[in-house]
Amino acid sequence: MPDELNAGLSFQALSQSQQDSFRPSPTPLLVKLEAGQCVYKWTQYTQLVSPKGSITEYWFPWDNIDIGSQHIPGFVELRTRHANRDGSVGRPQQFARALGAVTEQWNDMSSLIKAQFLKRVWGFVGITSGQRKFNDPKHPKEQDNIFWIGGAYQLVIPNLTTEWIKKL
């Protein structure tokens, strides 16, 4: 049983969709995440393991991460920056959807999942690439010009199982 997941992972070893989820600059970096560190995501699922039996590789850091001169904000910092104003409802999901560039067809983002690593894992951190709001042929062409900007720092950690991560 290995002590680390994805040690030595190369960017080229990621799937094309995983690679394309990042902006090219700054270059996504392979980072080590220690046992005990936490991540989160907005999702339509309330459980860590999806109905398909898998654990997503796309996460956001719970705590701030500093890598050289790069500052990657965690959950509390993002909530402070994007606080609800004037009694608005749903703002955390709104900013998370726009900055994470999550299409509505993928995820309704109705639940917040926080998870903790059980062992050391490696994954790539970088800025999410933007994409069209509707990435589905069922939507009319007049809606194709709506674009989620991306820009949040994301973590892509392939091969996660319950051996490596647990829901808190």
N, C-alpha and C. Protein backbone atom coordinates (compact mmCIF):
# COMPACT_ATOMS: atom_id res chain seq x y z
N MET A 1 0.85 -1.18 0.00
CA MET A 1 0.00 0.00 0.00
C MET A 1 0.90 1.25 0.00
N PRO A 2 0.77 2.10 -1.02
CA PRO A 2 1.65 3.27 -1.11
C PRO A 2 1.36 4.30 -0.02
N ASP A 3 2.39 5.05 0.34
CA ASP A 3 2.25 6.09 1.36
C ASP A 3 1.81 7.42 0.78
N GLU A 4 1.99 7.60 -0.53
CA GLU A 4 1.64 8.86 -1.19
C GLU A 4 0.87 8.55 -2.48
N LEU A 5 -0.10 9.41 -2.80
CA LEU A 5 -0.86 9.28 -4.03
C LEU A 5 -0.35 10.30 -5.04
N ASN A 6 -0.11 9.86 -6.25
CA ASN A 6 0.28 10.73 -7.37
C ASN A 6 1.69 11.32 -7.25
N ALA A 7 2.55 10.75 -6.42
CA ALA A 7 3.92 11.26 -6.31
C ALA A 7 4.56 11.17 -7.69
N GLY A 8 5.17 12.24 -8.14
CA GLY A 8 5.84 12.26 -9.44
C GLY A 8 4.89 12.44 -10.61
N LEU A 9 3.64 12.77 -10.35
CA LEU A 9 2.65 12.96 -11.42
C LEU A 9 3.10 14.08 -12.36
N SER A 10 2.99 13.86 -13.65
CA SER A 10 3.32 14.91 -14.61
C SER A 10 2.03 15.53 -15.15
N PHE A 11 2.12 16.78 -15.58
CA PHE A 11 0.97 17.46 -16.13
C PHE A 11 0.45 16.73 -17.37
N GLN A 12 1.36 16.19 -18.15
CA GLN A 12 0.98 15.47 -19.37
C GLN A 12 0.22 14.18 -19.04
N ALA A 13 0.36 13.66 -17.83
CA ALA A 13 -0.35 12.45 -17.43
C ALA A 13 -1.83 12.72 -17.11
N LEU A 14 -2.18 14.01 -16.92
CA LEU A 14 -3.58 14.36 -16.69
C LEU A 14 -4.36 14.16 -17.98
N SER A 15 -5.65 13.91 -17.87
CA SER A 15 -6.50 13.80 -19.05
C SER A 15 -6.54 15.16 -19.76
N GLN A 16 -6.97 15.16 -21.00
CA GLN A 16 -7.05 16.43 -21.74
C GLN A 16 -8.04 17.38 -21.06
N SER A 17 -9.16 16.87 -20.58
CA SER A 17 -10.13 17.75 -19.91
C SER A 17 -9.57 18.30 -18.60
N GLN A 18 -8.78 17.50 -17.88
CA GLN A 18 -8.13 18.01 -16.67
C GLN A 18 -7.13 19.11 -17.02
N GLN A 19 -6.31 18.90 -18.04
CA GLN A 19 -5.35 19.91 -18.46
C GLN A 19 -6.07 21.19 -18.91
N ASP A 20 -7.15 21.01 -19.69
CA ASP A 20 -7.88 22.16 -20.22
C ASP A 20 -8.64 22.94 -19.15
N SER A 21 -8.80 22.36 -17.97
CA SER A 21 -9.50 23.08 -16.90
C SER A 21 -8.63 24.18 -16.30
N PHE A 22 -7.35 24.21 -16.65
CA PHE A 22 -6.43 25.23 -16.15
C PHE A 22 -6.14 26.29 -17.21
N ARG A 23 -5.92 27.52 -16.78
CA ARG A 23 -5.34 28.53 -17.65
C ARG A 23 -3.86 28.18 -17.81
N PRO A 24 -3.27 28.51 -18.95
CA PRO A 24 -1.86 28.16 -19.14
C PRO A 24 -0.89 28.99 -18.29
N SER A 25 -1.34 30.16 -17.83
CA SER A 25 -0.44 31.02 -17.06
C SER A 25 -1.17 31.56 -15.84
N PRO A 26 -0.56 31.49 -14.67
CA PRO A 26 0.71 30.86 -14.40
C PRO A 26 0.62 29.34 -14.56
N THR A 27 1.73 28.75 -14.87
CA THR A 27 1.78 27.31 -15.11
C THR A 27 1.29 26.55 -13.88
N PRO A 28 0.34 25.61 -14.05
CA PRO A 28 -0.09 24.79 -12.91
C PRO A 28 1.10 24.07 -12.28
N LEU A 29 1.10 24.00 -10.97
CA LEU A 29 2.21 23.41 -10.22
C LEU A 29 1.77 22.15 -9.50
N LEU A 30 2.65 21.16 -9.47
CA LEU A 30 2.42 19.96 -8.69
C LEU A 30 2.72 20.31 -7.23
N VAL A 31 1.73 20.06 -6.34
CA VAL A 31 1.89 20.40 -4.93
C VAL A 31 1.62 19.18 -4.07
N LYS A 32 2.26 19.18 -2.92
CA LYS A 32 2.08 18.12 -1.94
C LYS A 32 1.06 18.59 -0.91
N LEU A 33 0.08 17.75 -0.65
CA LEU A 33 -0.94 18.04 0.35
C LEU A 33 -0.83 16.97 1.43
N GLU A 34 -0.62 17.40 2.63
CA GLU A 34 -0.34 16.48 3.74
C GLU A 34 -1.61 15.89 4.32
N ALA A 35 -1.45 14.75 4.98
CA ALA A 35 -2.56 14.16 5.75
C ALA A 35 -3.05 15.21 6.72
N GLY A 36 -4.34 15.36 6.84
CA GLY A 36 -4.94 16.35 7.73
C GLY A 36 -5.36 17.62 7.02
N GLN A 37 -4.77 17.94 5.87
CA GLN A 37 -5.19 19.12 5.12
C GLN A 37 -6.58 18.90 4.56
N CYS A 38 -7.32 19.99 4.40
CA CYS A 38 -8.71 19.90 3.96
C CYS A 38 -8.93 20.62 2.64
N VAL A 39 -9.93 20.16 1.93
CA VAL A 39 -10.37 20.75 0.67
C VAL A 39 -11.90 20.82 0.71
N TYR A 40 -12.46 21.57 -0.23
CA TYR A 40 -13.92 21.66 -0.30
C TYR A 40 -14.36 21.83 -1.74
N LYS A 41 -15.66 21.66 -1.93
CA LYS A 41 -16.27 21.95 -3.22
C LYS A 41 -17.77 22.11 -3.03
N TRP A 42 -18.37 22.91 -3.91
CA TRP A 42 -19.81 23.00 -4.02
C TRP A 42 -20.23 21.93 -5.00
N THR A 43 -21.23 21.14 -4.64
CA THR A 43 -21.63 20.01 -5.46
C THR A 43 -23.11 19.72 -5.29
N GLN A 44 -23.65 18.96 -6.20
CA GLN A 44 -25.05 18.53 -6.06
C GLN A 44 -25.16 17.28 -5.21
N TYR A 45 -24.04 16.68 -4.87
CA TYR A 45 -24.04 15.46 -4.07
C TYR A 45 -23.81 15.80 -2.60
N THR A 46 -24.39 15.00 -1.73
CA THR A 46 -24.17 15.21 -0.30
C THR A 46 -23.12 14.25 0.25
N GLN A 47 -22.72 13.29 -0.58
CA GLN A 47 -21.72 12.30 -0.17
C GLN A 47 -20.43 12.51 -0.95
N LEU A 48 -19.34 12.05 -0.40
CA LEU A 48 -18.03 12.17 -1.05
C LEU A 48 -17.97 11.32 -2.31
N VAL A 49 -18.49 10.11 -2.23
CA VAL A 49 -18.47 9.20 -3.38
C VAL A 49 -19.75 9.43 -4.18
N SER A 50 -19.60 9.72 -5.46
CA SER A 50 -20.75 10.01 -6.32
C SER A 50 -21.57 8.74 -6.56
N PRO A 51 -22.78 8.89 -7.07
CA PRO A 51 -23.59 7.70 -7.41
C PRO A 51 -22.89 6.78 -8.42
N LYS A 52 -21.95 7.31 -9.18
CA LYS A 52 -21.19 6.49 -10.14
C LYS A 52 -20.07 5.71 -9.45
N GLY A 53 -19.85 5.97 -8.16
CA GLY A 53 -18.83 5.24 -7.41
C GLY A 53 -17.45 5.88 -7.43
N SER A 54 -17.37 7.14 -7.86
CA SER A 54 -16.06 7.79 -7.95
C SER A 54 -16.02 9.03 -7.04
N ILE A 55 -14.80 9.50 -6.81
CA ILE A 55 -14.58 10.74 -6.07
C ILE A 55 -13.98 11.73 -7.05
N THR A 56 -14.56 12.90 -7.12
CA THR A 56 -14.09 13.91 -8.06
C THR A 56 -12.64 14.29 -7.81
N GLU A 57 -11.95 14.69 -8.87
CA GLU A 57 -10.58 15.15 -8.75
C GLU A 57 -10.50 16.67 -8.62
N TYR A 58 -11.62 17.37 -8.77
CA TYR A 58 -11.62 18.84 -8.75
C TYR A 58 -12.02 19.36 -7.37
N TRP A 59 -11.13 20.14 -6.76
CA TRP A 59 -11.33 20.66 -5.41
C TRP A 59 -10.80 22.08 -5.31
N PHE A 60 -11.14 22.73 -4.18
CA PHE A 60 -10.59 24.02 -3.82
C PHE A 60 -9.97 23.87 -2.43
N PRO A 61 -8.89 24.61 -2.13
CA PRO A 61 -8.24 24.47 -0.81
C PRO A 61 -9.09 25.09 0.30
N TRP A 62 -9.19 24.39 1.42
CA TRP A 62 -9.92 24.92 2.57
C TRP A 62 -9.13 26.04 3.23
N ASP A 63 -7.84 25.82 3.43
CA ASP A 63 -6.97 26.83 4.03
C ASP A 63 -6.14 27.51 2.94
N ASN A 64 -5.70 28.73 3.24
CA ASN A 64 -4.82 29.43 2.31
C ASN A 64 -3.56 28.62 2.08
N ILE A 65 -3.04 28.69 0.86
CA ILE A 65 -1.78 28.04 0.52
C ILE A 65 -0.87 29.10 -0.10
N ASP A 66 0.35 29.18 0.36
CA ASP A 66 1.34 30.07 -0.25
C ASP A 66 2.44 29.23 -0.86
N ILE A 67 2.66 29.44 -2.14
CA ILE A 67 3.72 28.74 -2.88
C ILE A 67 4.58 29.82 -3.52
N GLY A 68 5.75 30.04 -2.94
CA GLY A 68 6.58 31.15 -3.42
C GLY A 68 5.80 32.44 -3.31
N SER A 69 5.67 33.18 -4.42
CA SER A 69 4.95 34.45 -4.40
C SER A 69 3.45 34.27 -4.70
N GLN A 70 3.03 33.04 -4.99
CA GLN A 70 1.61 32.80 -5.28
C GLN A 70 0.84 32.59 -3.98
N HIS A 71 -0.24 33.35 -3.82
CA HIS A 71 -1.12 33.19 -2.67
C HIS A 71 -2.43 32.58 -3.18
N ILE A 72 -2.79 31.44 -2.64
CA ILE A 72 -3.99 30.73 -3.05
C ILE A 72 -4.97 30.83 -1.89
N PRO A 73 -6.05 31.61 -2.08
CA PRO A 73 -6.98 31.81 -0.97
C PRO A 73 -7.79 30.56 -0.66
N GLY A 74 -8.04 30.37 0.62
CA GLY A 74 -8.88 29.27 1.08
C GLY A 74 -10.33 29.71 1.24
N PHE A 75 -11.13 28.83 1.80
CA PHE A 75 -12.56 29.05 1.93
C PHE A 75 -12.90 30.32 2.69
N VAL A 76 -12.32 30.53 3.86
CA VAL A 76 -12.67 31.68 4.69
C VAL A 76 -12.32 32.98 3.97
N GLU A 77 -11.16 33.04 3.35
CA GLU A 77 -10.77 34.25 2.63
C GLU A 77 -11.72 34.53 1.46
N LEU A 78 -12.10 33.51 0.72
CA LEU A 78 -13.04 33.72 -0.39
C LEU A 78 -14.41 34.14 0.12
N ARG A 79 -14.87 33.55 1.23
CA ARG A 79 -16.17 33.95 1.80
C ARG A 79 -16.13 35.40 2.27
N THR A 80 -14.99 35.84 2.78
CA THR A 80 -14.86 37.24 3.21
C THR A 80 -14.88 38.16 2.00
N ARG A 81 -14.16 37.80 0.96
CA ARG A 81 -14.13 38.62 -0.26
C ARG A 81 -15.49 38.69 -0.94
N HIS A 82 -16.24 37.62 -0.88
CA HIS A 82 -17.51 37.51 -1.60
C HIS A 82 -18.67 37.34 -0.63
N ALA A 83 -18.67 38.15 0.40
CA ALA A 83 -19.70 38.03 1.44
C ALA A 83 -21.07 38.40 0.90
N ASN A 84 -22.11 37.80 1.50
CA ASN A 84 -23.48 38.18 1.15
C ASN A 84 -23.68 39.65 1.48
N ARG A 85 -24.34 40.34 0.61
CA ARG A 85 -24.62 41.76 0.82
C ARG A 85 -26.12 41.99 0.64
N ASP A 86 -26.67 42.86 1.44
CA ASP A 86 -28.08 43.26 1.31
C ASP A 86 -29.02 42.06 1.35
N GLY A 87 -28.68 41.04 2.11
CA GLY A 87 -29.56 39.90 2.26
C GLY A 87 -29.65 38.98 1.06
N SER A 88 -28.71 39.10 0.13
CA SER A 88 -28.77 38.23 -1.05
C SER A 88 -28.58 36.78 -0.62
N VAL A 89 -29.18 35.89 -1.38
CA VAL A 89 -29.14 34.47 -1.06
C VAL A 89 -28.37 33.74 -2.16
N GLY A 90 -27.55 32.76 -1.77
CA GLY A 90 -26.88 31.93 -2.75
C GLY A 90 -25.58 32.49 -3.27
N ARG A 91 -25.09 33.59 -2.73
CA ARG A 91 -23.89 34.21 -3.26
C ARG A 91 -22.68 33.28 -3.26
N PRO A 92 -22.46 32.45 -2.23
CA PRO A 92 -21.28 31.56 -2.29
C PRO A 92 -21.29 30.68 -3.54
N GLN A 93 -22.43 30.14 -3.89
CA GLN A 93 -22.51 29.31 -5.08
C GLN A 93 -22.32 30.15 -6.34
N GLN A 94 -22.84 31.39 -6.34
CA GLN A 94 -22.71 32.24 -7.51
C GLN A 94 -21.25 32.56 -7.81
N PHE A 95 -20.50 33.00 -6.80
CA PHE A 95 -19.10 33.32 -7.08
C PHE A 95 -18.31 32.05 -7.36
N ALA A 96 -18.65 30.95 -6.67
CA ALA A 96 -17.94 29.69 -6.92
C ALA A 96 -18.20 29.18 -8.33
N ARG A 97 -19.42 29.33 -8.81
CA ARG A 97 -19.74 28.89 -10.18
C ARG A 97 -19.00 29.74 -11.21
N ALA A 98 -19.01 31.05 -11.04
CA ALA A 98 -18.36 31.94 -12.00
C ALA A 98 -16.84 31.77 -11.99
N LEU A 99 -16.24 31.78 -10.80
CA LEU A 99 -14.79 31.69 -10.71
C LEU A 99 -14.26 30.28 -10.94
N GLY A 100 -15.08 29.28 -10.64
CA GLY A 100 -14.70 27.89 -10.90
C GLY A 100 -15.08 27.43 -12.29
N ALA A 101 -15.86 28.26 -13.01
CA ALA A 101 -16.31 27.96 -14.37
C ALA A 101 -17.01 26.60 -14.44
N VAL A 102 -18.04 26.46 -13.61
CA VAL A 102 -18.79 25.20 -13.53
C VAL A 102 -20.10 25.36 -14.29
N THR A 103 -20.26 24.63 -15.38
CA THR A 103 -21.50 24.74 -16.14
C THR A 103 -22.66 24.18 -15.33
N GLU A 104 -23.83 24.70 -15.60
CA GLU A 104 -25.01 24.26 -14.88
C GLU A 104 -25.37 22.82 -15.19
N GLN A 105 -24.99 22.33 -16.35
CA GLN A 105 -25.28 20.94 -16.71
C GLN A 105 -24.45 19.95 -15.88
N TRP A 106 -23.28 20.38 -15.42
CA TRP A 106 -22.42 19.48 -14.65
C TRP A 106 -22.87 19.33 -13.22
N ASN A 107 -23.39 20.43 -12.63
CA ASN A 107 -23.48 20.46 -11.18
C ASN A 107 -24.43 21.56 -10.75
N ASP A 108 -25.41 21.27 -9.91
CA ASP A 108 -26.28 22.35 -9.44
C ASP A 108 -25.72 23.05 -8.20
N MET A 109 -24.62 22.56 -7.66
CA MET A 109 -23.89 23.21 -6.57
C MET A 109 -24.77 23.52 -5.35
N SER A 110 -25.61 22.59 -4.97
CA SER A 110 -26.54 22.81 -3.87
C SER A 110 -25.98 22.44 -2.49
N SER A 111 -24.86 21.74 -2.45
CA SER A 111 -24.28 21.30 -1.17
C SER A 111 -22.80 21.66 -1.10
N LEU A 112 -22.34 21.91 0.10
CA LEU A 112 -20.92 22.15 0.33
C LEU A 112 -20.34 20.90 0.97
N ILE A 113 -19.30 20.35 0.37
CA ILE A 113 -18.61 19.20 0.95
C ILE A 113 -17.21 19.64 1.35
N LYS A 114 -16.86 19.33 2.58
CA LYS A 114 -15.51 19.53 3.08
C LYS A 114 -14.92 18.15 3.31
N ALA A 115 -13.68 17.97 2.88
CA ALA A 115 -13.03 16.66 3.01
C ALA A 115 -11.61 16.84 3.54
N GLN A 116 -11.08 15.78 4.09
CA GLN A 116 -9.74 15.80 4.68
C GLN A 116 -8.92 14.64 4.14
N PHE A 117 -7.66 14.92 3.85
CA PHE A 117 -6.77 13.88 3.37
C PHE A 117 -6.34 12.99 4.53
N LEU A 118 -6.36 11.69 4.28
CA LEU A 118 -5.96 10.70 5.28
C LEU A 118 -4.48 10.39 5.19
N LYS A 119 -3.92 10.61 4.01
CA LYS A 119 -2.50 10.39 3.73
C LYS A 119 -2.03 11.50 2.80
N ARG A 120 -0.74 11.56 2.58
CA ARG A 120 -0.17 12.57 1.68
C ARG A 120 -0.62 12.29 0.24
N VAL A 121 -1.07 13.36 -0.43
CA VAL A 121 -1.44 13.27 -1.84
C VAL A 121 -0.77 14.41 -2.60
N TRP A 122 -0.63 14.20 -3.89
CA TRP A 122 -0.07 15.20 -4.78
C TRP A 122 -1.11 15.55 -5.83
N GLY A 123 -1.16 16.79 -6.20
CA GLY A 123 -2.09 17.22 -7.24
C GLY A 123 -1.61 18.54 -7.82
N PHE A 124 -2.27 18.96 -8.87
CA PHE A 124 -1.90 20.22 -9.51
C PHE A 124 -2.78 21.34 -9.02
N VAL A 125 -2.15 22.49 -8.77
CA VAL A 125 -2.87 23.70 -8.41
C VAL A 125 -2.61 24.72 -9.51
N GLY A 126 -3.66 25.42 -9.89
CA GLY A 126 -3.56 26.44 -10.91
C GLY A 126 -4.88 27.18 -11.02
N ILE A 127 -4.94 28.10 -11.95
CA ILE A 127 -6.12 28.94 -12.13
C ILE A 127 -7.07 28.29 -13.12
N THR A 128 -8.34 28.24 -12.75
CA THR A 128 -9.33 27.63 -13.62
C THR A 128 -9.52 28.45 -14.89
N SER A 129 -9.63 27.73 -15.97
CA SER A 129 -9.90 28.32 -17.27
C SER A 129 -11.39 28.68 -17.34
N GLY A 130 -11.73 29.68 -18.11
CA GLY A 130 -13.13 30.03 -18.31
C GLY A 130 -13.78 29.08 -19.30
N GLN A 131 -15.10 29.12 -19.33
CA GLN A 131 -15.82 28.33 -20.33
C GLN A 131 -17.25 28.83 -20.45
N ARG A 132 -17.90 28.41 -21.51
CA ARG A 132 -19.27 28.85 -21.74
C ARG A 132 -20.20 28.35 -20.63
N LYS A 133 -21.17 29.20 -20.28
CA LYS A 133 -22.16 28.83 -19.26
C LYS A 133 -22.95 27.61 -19.69
N PHE A 134 -23.35 27.58 -20.95
CA PHE A 134 -24.11 26.46 -21.48
C PHE A 134 -23.21 25.68 -22.42
N ASN A 135 -22.85 24.52 -22.02
CA ASN A 135 -22.01 23.66 -22.83
C ASN A 135 -22.84 22.43 -23.20
N ASP A 136 -24.02 22.72 -23.76
CA ASP A 136 -24.99 21.67 -24.01
C ASP A 136 -25.79 22.03 -25.26
N PRO A 137 -25.86 21.16 -26.23
CA PRO A 137 -26.57 21.48 -27.47
C PRO A 137 -28.07 21.72 -27.29
N LYS A 138 -28.63 21.37 -26.14
CA LYS A 138 -30.06 21.58 -25.91
C LYS A 138 -30.42 23.06 -25.70
N HIS A 139 -29.40 23.87 -25.40
CA HIS A 139 -29.66 25.29 -25.14
C HIS A 139 -29.61 26.09 -26.44
N PRO A 140 -30.48 27.06 -26.56
CA PRO A 140 -30.51 27.87 -27.79
C PRO A 140 -29.20 28.63 -28.01
N LYS A 141 -28.90 28.87 -29.26
CA LYS A 141 -27.65 29.56 -29.63
C LYS A 141 -27.53 30.95 -29.02
N GLU A 142 -28.65 31.63 -28.79
CA GLU A 142 -28.55 32.99 -28.24
C GLU A 142 -27.96 33.00 -26.83
N GLN A 143 -27.92 31.83 -26.17
CA GLN A 143 -27.35 31.77 -24.83
C GLN A 143 -25.88 31.34 -24.85
N ASP A 144 -25.36 31.02 -26.01
CA ASP A 144 -23.98 30.54 -26.10
C ASP A 144 -22.94 31.61 -25.77
N ASN A 145 -23.34 32.87 -25.78
CA ASN A 145 -22.36 33.92 -25.54
C ASN A 145 -22.16 34.22 -24.05
N ILE A 146 -22.82 33.49 -23.17
CA ILE A 146 -22.63 33.68 -21.73
C ILE A 146 -21.43 32.84 -21.32
N PHE A 147 -20.49 33.47 -20.61
CA PHE A 147 -19.20 32.85 -20.34
C PHE A 147 -18.87 32.96 -18.86
N TRP A 148 -18.55 31.83 -18.22
CA TRP A 148 -18.04 31.86 -16.84
C TRP A 148 -16.56 32.21 -16.93
N ILE A 149 -16.14 33.18 -16.15
CA ILE A 149 -14.79 33.74 -16.31
C ILE A 149 -13.68 32.84 -15.79
N GLY A 150 -13.98 31.95 -14.87
CA GLY A 150 -12.90 31.19 -14.25
C GLY A 150 -12.07 32.13 -13.38
N GLY A 151 -10.86 31.74 -13.06
CA GLY A 151 -9.97 32.60 -12.29
C GLY A 151 -9.73 32.17 -10.86
N ALA A 152 -10.48 31.20 -10.37
CA ALA A 152 -10.21 30.68 -9.02
C ALA A 152 -9.06 29.69 -9.08
N TYR A 153 -8.32 29.58 -8.01
CA TYR A 153 -7.31 28.53 -7.91
C TYR A 153 -8.02 27.22 -7.60
N GLN A 154 -7.74 26.20 -8.38
CA GLN A 154 -8.32 24.88 -8.16
C GLN A 154 -7.21 23.86 -7.94
N LEU A 155 -7.60 22.76 -7.35
CA LEU A 155 -6.72 21.61 -7.20
C LEU A 155 -7.29 20.49 -8.05
N VAL A 156 -6.46 19.84 -8.82
CA VAL A 156 -6.85 18.65 -9.57
C VAL A 156 -6.01 17.50 -9.02
N ILE A 157 -6.71 16.56 -8.38
CA ILE A 157 -6.06 15.45 -7.69
C ILE A 157 -6.67 14.15 -8.21
N PRO A 158 -6.06 13.56 -9.24
CA PRO A 158 -6.62 12.32 -9.80
C PRO A 158 -6.47 11.14 -8.84
N ASN A 159 -7.26 10.11 -9.11
CA ASN A 159 -7.12 8.80 -8.46
C ASN A 159 -7.55 8.76 -6.99
N LEU A 160 -8.36 9.71 -6.54
CA LEU A 160 -8.78 9.71 -5.14
C LEU A 160 -9.75 8.57 -4.86
N THR A 161 -9.54 7.92 -3.74
CA THR A 161 -10.45 6.91 -3.20
C THR A 161 -10.60 7.17 -1.71
N THR A 162 -11.47 6.42 -1.07
CA THR A 162 -11.66 6.58 0.38
C THR A 162 -10.43 6.17 1.19
N GLU A 163 -9.46 5.56 0.55
CA GLU A 163 -8.18 5.29 1.22
C GLU A 163 -7.41 6.59 1.46
N TRP A 164 -7.66 7.60 0.64
CA TRP A 164 -6.88 8.84 0.65
C TRP A 164 -7.61 10.04 1.21
N ILE A 165 -8.94 10.02 1.22
CA ILE A 165 -9.70 11.21 1.59
C ILE A 165 -10.99 10.78 2.27
N LYS A 166 -11.45 11.60 3.23
CA LYS A 166 -12.73 11.34 3.89
C LYS A 166 -13.53 12.63 3.98
N LYS A 167 -14.83 12.48 4.00
CA LYS A 167 -15.74 13.62 4.16
C LYS A 167 -15.78 13.98 5.64
N LEU A 168 -15.77 15.27 5.90
CA LEU A 168 -15.91 15.75 7.29
C LEU A 168 -17.35 16.14 7.56
